[in-house]
Amino acid sequence: MSDNWESVWMFDGRVADPDQLYRTRRGGYGHPAPDICPAGHPLGPNQVIVSAIPCGHLRTHHRSYTCRECGEVLAWPPITAECNHFGSPRNL
């Protein structure tokens, strides 16, 4: 993949902004998720591990998506040099 690869973020079958919460059909709320990993593998049910990475810089967390096929990790918001995870700067 190229260095300028960007994932398309989807919610309920539509392209969505990863910074927004969206209302679900059942009345709750949810975040969009990436549709593929940088290697091109689909990130759907049973194909991705979703977790959170606490970040001292953000004072919240990054949502992370790990491809079960290749192990690539996508994080939102993107991890930067200013991020501080578990007491030390770290980039995935």
N, C-alpha and C. Protein backbone atom coordinates (compact mmCIF):
# COMPACT_ATOMS: atom_id res chain seq x y z
N MET A 1 0.83 -1.19 0.00
CA MET A 1 0.00 0.00 0.00
C MET A 1 0.88 1.25 0.00
N SER A 2 0.31 2.33 -0.48
CA SER A 2 1.08 3.58 -0.53
C SER A 2 1.09 4.26 0.83
N ASP A 3 2.04 5.18 1.01
CA ASP A 3 2.15 5.90 2.27
C ASP A 3 0.99 6.84 2.52
N ASN A 4 0.26 7.22 1.48
CA ASN A 4 -0.85 8.15 1.67
C ASN A 4 -2.20 7.44 1.67
N TRP A 5 -2.21 6.16 2.02
CA TRP A 5 -3.44 5.39 2.10
C TRP A 5 -4.34 5.96 3.18
N GLU A 6 -5.62 6.02 2.91
CA GLU A 6 -6.60 6.44 3.91
C GLU A 6 -7.77 5.49 3.88
N SER A 7 -8.24 5.10 5.03
CA SER A 7 -9.40 4.23 5.12
C SER A 7 -10.68 5.03 4.90
N VAL A 8 -11.69 4.35 4.43
CA VAL A 8 -13.03 4.93 4.35
C VAL A 8 -13.75 4.47 5.62
N TRP A 9 -14.34 5.40 6.34
CA TRP A 9 -15.03 5.09 7.58
C TRP A 9 -16.51 4.96 7.28
N MET A 10 -17.12 3.89 7.78
CA MET A 10 -18.51 3.57 7.46
C MET A 10 -19.34 3.46 8.74
N PHE A 11 -20.61 3.82 8.61
CA PHE A 11 -21.58 3.58 9.67
C PHE A 11 -22.91 3.25 9.02
N ASP A 12 -23.46 2.12 9.37
CA ASP A 12 -24.76 1.70 8.87
C ASP A 12 -24.79 1.67 7.33
N GLY A 13 -23.68 1.23 6.73
CA GLY A 13 -23.62 1.09 5.28
C GLY A 13 -23.34 2.37 4.52
N ARG A 14 -23.05 3.45 5.23
CA ARG A 14 -22.78 4.74 4.56
C ARG A 14 -21.43 5.30 5.00
N VAL A 15 -20.80 6.08 4.13
CA VAL A 15 -19.56 6.76 4.47
C VAL A 15 -19.86 7.76 5.59
N ALA A 16 -18.98 7.80 6.61
CA ALA A 16 -19.26 8.63 7.78
C ALA A 16 -17.97 9.29 8.28
N ASP A 17 -18.13 10.32 9.07
CA ASP A 17 -17.03 11.06 9.68
C ASP A 17 -16.61 10.33 10.96
N PRO A 18 -15.33 9.91 11.08
CA PRO A 18 -14.92 9.16 12.27
C PRO A 18 -14.94 9.98 13.56
N ASP A 19 -15.08 11.30 13.47
CA ASP A 19 -15.15 12.15 14.66
C ASP A 19 -16.57 12.28 15.21
N GLN A 20 -17.55 11.72 14.54
CA GLN A 20 -18.95 11.91 14.93
C GLN A 20 -19.55 10.64 15.53
N LEU A 21 -20.52 10.83 16.41
CA LEU A 21 -21.37 9.74 16.87
C LEU A 21 -22.61 9.74 15.99
N TYR A 22 -23.13 8.56 15.70
CA TYR A 22 -24.33 8.45 14.87
C TYR A 22 -25.38 7.65 15.62
N ARG A 23 -26.61 8.02 15.39
CA ARG A 23 -27.73 7.32 16.02
C ARG A 23 -27.98 6.01 15.27
N THR A 24 -28.14 4.92 16.03
CA THR A 24 -28.41 3.63 15.43
C THR A 24 -29.90 3.46 15.17
N ARG A 25 -30.24 2.46 14.42
CA ARG A 25 -31.66 2.18 14.13
C ARG A 25 -32.42 1.76 15.39
N ARG A 26 -31.70 1.29 16.40
CA ARG A 26 -32.35 0.87 17.64
C ARG A 26 -32.39 1.98 18.68
N GLY A 27 -31.95 3.17 18.31
CA GLY A 27 -32.05 4.31 19.21
C GLY A 27 -30.80 4.61 20.01
N GLY A 28 -29.76 3.78 19.91
CA GLY A 28 -28.51 4.05 20.61
C GLY A 28 -27.59 4.90 19.74
N TYR A 29 -26.32 4.93 20.10
CA TYR A 29 -25.32 5.67 19.35
C TYR A 29 -24.13 4.78 19.06
N GLY A 30 -23.42 5.09 17.98
CA GLY A 30 -22.24 4.32 17.64
C GLY A 30 -21.25 5.16 16.84
N HIS A 31 -20.00 4.68 16.81
CA HIS A 31 -18.94 5.32 16.04
C HIS A 31 -18.79 4.63 14.70
N PRO A 32 -18.39 5.36 13.67
CA PRO A 32 -18.04 4.71 12.41
C PRO A 32 -16.80 3.84 12.59
N ALA A 33 -16.59 2.91 11.68
CA ALA A 33 -15.43 2.03 11.70
C ALA A 33 -14.80 2.00 10.31
N PRO A 34 -13.48 1.73 10.23
CA PRO A 34 -12.85 1.64 8.91
C PRO A 34 -13.37 0.42 8.17
N ASP A 35 -13.44 0.52 6.83
CA ASP A 35 -13.97 -0.60 6.06
C ASP A 35 -12.91 -1.61 5.65
N ILE A 36 -11.64 -1.17 5.49
CA ILE A 36 -10.56 -2.08 5.14
C ILE A 36 -9.28 -1.66 5.87
N CYS A 37 -8.34 -2.59 6.01
CA CYS A 37 -7.04 -2.26 6.60
C CYS A 37 -6.11 -1.79 5.48
N PRO A 38 -4.93 -1.24 5.83
CA PRO A 38 -4.01 -0.76 4.80
C PRO A 38 -3.58 -1.84 3.80
N ALA A 39 -3.64 -3.11 4.20
CA ALA A 39 -3.28 -4.20 3.28
C ALA A 39 -4.44 -4.61 2.39
N GLY A 40 -5.61 -4.00 2.61
CA GLY A 40 -6.77 -4.28 1.76
C GLY A 40 -7.73 -5.33 2.28
N HIS A 41 -7.51 -5.83 3.50
CA HIS A 41 -8.42 -6.83 4.07
C HIS A 41 -9.67 -6.15 4.61
N PRO A 42 -10.85 -6.74 4.40
CA PRO A 42 -12.09 -6.16 4.94
C PRO A 42 -12.09 -6.23 6.46
N LEU A 43 -12.66 -5.20 7.09
CA LEU A 43 -12.74 -5.13 8.55
C LEU A 43 -14.20 -5.15 8.98
N GLY A 44 -14.81 -6.30 8.85
CA GLY A 44 -16.20 -6.47 9.24
C GLY A 44 -16.31 -7.42 10.42
N PRO A 45 -17.49 -7.95 10.66
CA PRO A 45 -17.68 -8.90 11.76
C PRO A 45 -16.72 -10.09 11.66
N ASN A 46 -16.13 -10.45 12.79
CA ASN A 46 -15.17 -11.56 12.90
C ASN A 46 -13.88 -11.34 12.11
N GLN A 47 -13.65 -10.11 11.63
CA GLN A 47 -12.45 -9.82 10.85
C GLN A 47 -11.60 -8.73 11.50
N VAL A 48 -12.07 -8.18 12.61
CA VAL A 48 -11.37 -7.06 13.26
C VAL A 48 -11.53 -7.16 14.78
N ILE A 49 -10.48 -6.75 15.49
CA ILE A 49 -10.53 -6.64 16.95
C ILE A 49 -10.60 -5.15 17.27
N VAL A 50 -11.64 -4.75 17.96
CA VAL A 50 -11.84 -3.34 18.31
C VAL A 50 -11.47 -3.15 19.78
N SER A 51 -10.65 -2.14 20.04
CA SER A 51 -10.25 -1.88 21.42
C SER A 51 -9.97 -0.39 21.60
N ALA A 52 -9.44 -0.03 22.76
CA ALA A 52 -9.12 1.36 23.05
C ALA A 52 -7.72 1.46 23.61
N ILE A 53 -7.01 2.54 23.27
CA ILE A 53 -5.66 2.80 23.77
C ILE A 53 -5.73 4.09 24.59
N PRO A 54 -5.59 4.01 25.92
CA PRO A 54 -5.61 5.23 26.72
C PRO A 54 -4.49 6.18 26.29
N CYS A 55 -4.77 7.48 26.27
CA CYS A 55 -3.78 8.45 25.82
C CYS A 55 -3.75 9.64 26.77
N GLY A 56 -2.59 9.87 27.39
CA GLY A 56 -2.44 11.00 28.30
C GLY A 56 -2.51 12.33 27.59
N HIS A 57 -2.05 12.39 26.35
CA HIS A 57 -2.08 13.64 25.59
C HIS A 57 -3.52 14.05 25.28
N LEU A 58 -4.33 13.10 24.83
CA LEU A 58 -5.73 13.41 24.51
C LEU A 58 -6.60 13.52 25.75
N ARG A 59 -6.13 12.92 26.85
CA ARG A 59 -6.92 12.80 28.09
C ARG A 59 -8.18 12.00 27.86
N THR A 60 -8.10 11.09 26.92
CA THR A 60 -9.17 10.14 26.62
C THR A 60 -8.49 8.93 25.99
N HIS A 61 -9.01 8.41 24.91
CA HIS A 61 -8.41 7.23 24.29
C HIS A 61 -8.50 7.30 22.77
N HIS A 62 -7.72 6.44 22.14
CA HIS A 62 -7.81 6.22 20.70
C HIS A 62 -8.66 4.95 20.52
N ARG A 63 -9.59 4.95 19.60
CA ARG A 63 -10.25 3.71 19.21
C ARG A 63 -9.27 2.98 18.28
N SER A 64 -9.06 1.70 18.51
CA SER A 64 -8.13 0.96 17.66
C SER A 64 -8.84 -0.23 17.01
N TYR A 65 -8.41 -0.52 15.80
CA TYR A 65 -8.98 -1.58 14.99
C TYR A 65 -7.82 -2.43 14.48
N THR A 66 -7.74 -3.69 14.91
CA THR A 66 -6.66 -4.59 14.51
C THR A 66 -7.21 -5.62 13.52
N CYS A 67 -6.62 -5.67 12.34
CA CYS A 67 -7.02 -6.63 11.32
C CYS A 67 -6.62 -8.04 11.78
N ARG A 68 -7.57 -8.96 11.81
CA ARG A 68 -7.28 -10.33 12.23
C ARG A 68 -6.51 -11.09 11.17
N GLU A 69 -6.52 -10.62 9.95
CA GLU A 69 -5.80 -11.28 8.86
C GLU A 69 -4.29 -10.99 8.91
N CYS A 70 -3.92 -9.71 9.09
CA CYS A 70 -2.50 -9.34 8.98
C CYS A 70 -1.94 -8.65 10.22
N GLY A 71 -2.79 -8.24 11.17
CA GLY A 71 -2.30 -7.59 12.38
C GLY A 71 -2.12 -6.08 12.28
N GLU A 72 -2.40 -5.47 11.11
CA GLU A 72 -2.31 -4.01 10.99
C GLU A 72 -3.26 -3.36 11.99
N VAL A 73 -2.83 -2.25 12.58
CA VAL A 73 -3.65 -1.52 13.55
C VAL A 73 -3.95 -0.13 13.02
N LEU A 74 -5.21 0.23 13.03
CA LEU A 74 -5.65 1.59 12.71
C LEU A 74 -6.14 2.21 14.00
N ALA A 75 -5.85 3.48 14.21
CA ALA A 75 -6.30 4.15 15.43
C ALA A 75 -6.98 5.46 15.07
N TRP A 76 -8.02 5.81 15.83
CA TRP A 76 -8.69 7.09 15.67
C TRP A 76 -8.95 7.69 17.03
N PRO A 77 -8.61 8.93 17.26
CA PRO A 77 -7.86 9.79 16.35
C PRO A 77 -6.48 9.22 16.09
N PRO A 78 -5.86 9.63 14.98
CA PRO A 78 -4.54 9.10 14.64
C PRO A 78 -3.53 9.33 15.78
N ILE A 79 -2.63 8.39 15.95
CA ILE A 79 -1.58 8.52 16.96
C ILE A 79 -0.48 9.42 16.40
N THR A 80 -0.06 10.40 17.22
CA THR A 80 0.97 11.36 16.82
C THR A 80 2.14 11.28 17.79
N ALA A 81 3.18 12.03 17.49
CA ALA A 81 4.36 12.07 18.36
C ALA A 81 4.03 12.64 19.74
N GLU A 82 2.99 13.47 19.85
CA GLU A 82 2.61 14.06 21.14
C GLU A 82 1.87 13.08 22.03
N CYS A 83 1.38 11.99 21.48
CA CYS A 83 0.61 11.02 22.26
C CYS A 83 1.47 10.38 23.33
N ASN A 84 0.86 10.07 24.45
CA ASN A 84 1.54 9.47 25.58
C ASN A 84 0.70 8.30 26.06
N HIS A 85 1.20 7.09 25.82
CA HIS A 85 0.47 5.87 26.20
C HIS A 85 1.21 5.15 27.31
N PHE A 86 0.56 5.00 28.43
CA PHE A 86 1.13 4.29 29.57
C PHE A 86 2.42 4.93 30.06
N GLY A 87 2.50 6.27 30.02
CA GLY A 87 3.62 6.97 30.58
C GLY A 87 4.79 7.24 29.65
N SER A 88 4.76 6.77 28.40
CA SER A 88 5.86 7.07 27.48
C SER A 88 5.31 7.26 26.08
N PRO A 89 5.92 8.13 25.28
CA PRO A 89 5.45 8.32 23.91
C PRO A 89 5.55 7.01 23.14
N ARG A 90 4.56 6.74 22.32
CA ARG A 90 4.55 5.48 21.58
C ARG A 90 3.74 5.65 20.30
N ASN A 91 4.25 5.17 19.23
CA ASN A 91 3.51 5.14 17.97
C ASN A 91 3.30 3.70 17.57
N LEU A 92 2.13 3.37 17.06
CA LEU A 92 1.85 2.02 16.58
C LEU A 92 2.35 1.85 15.17
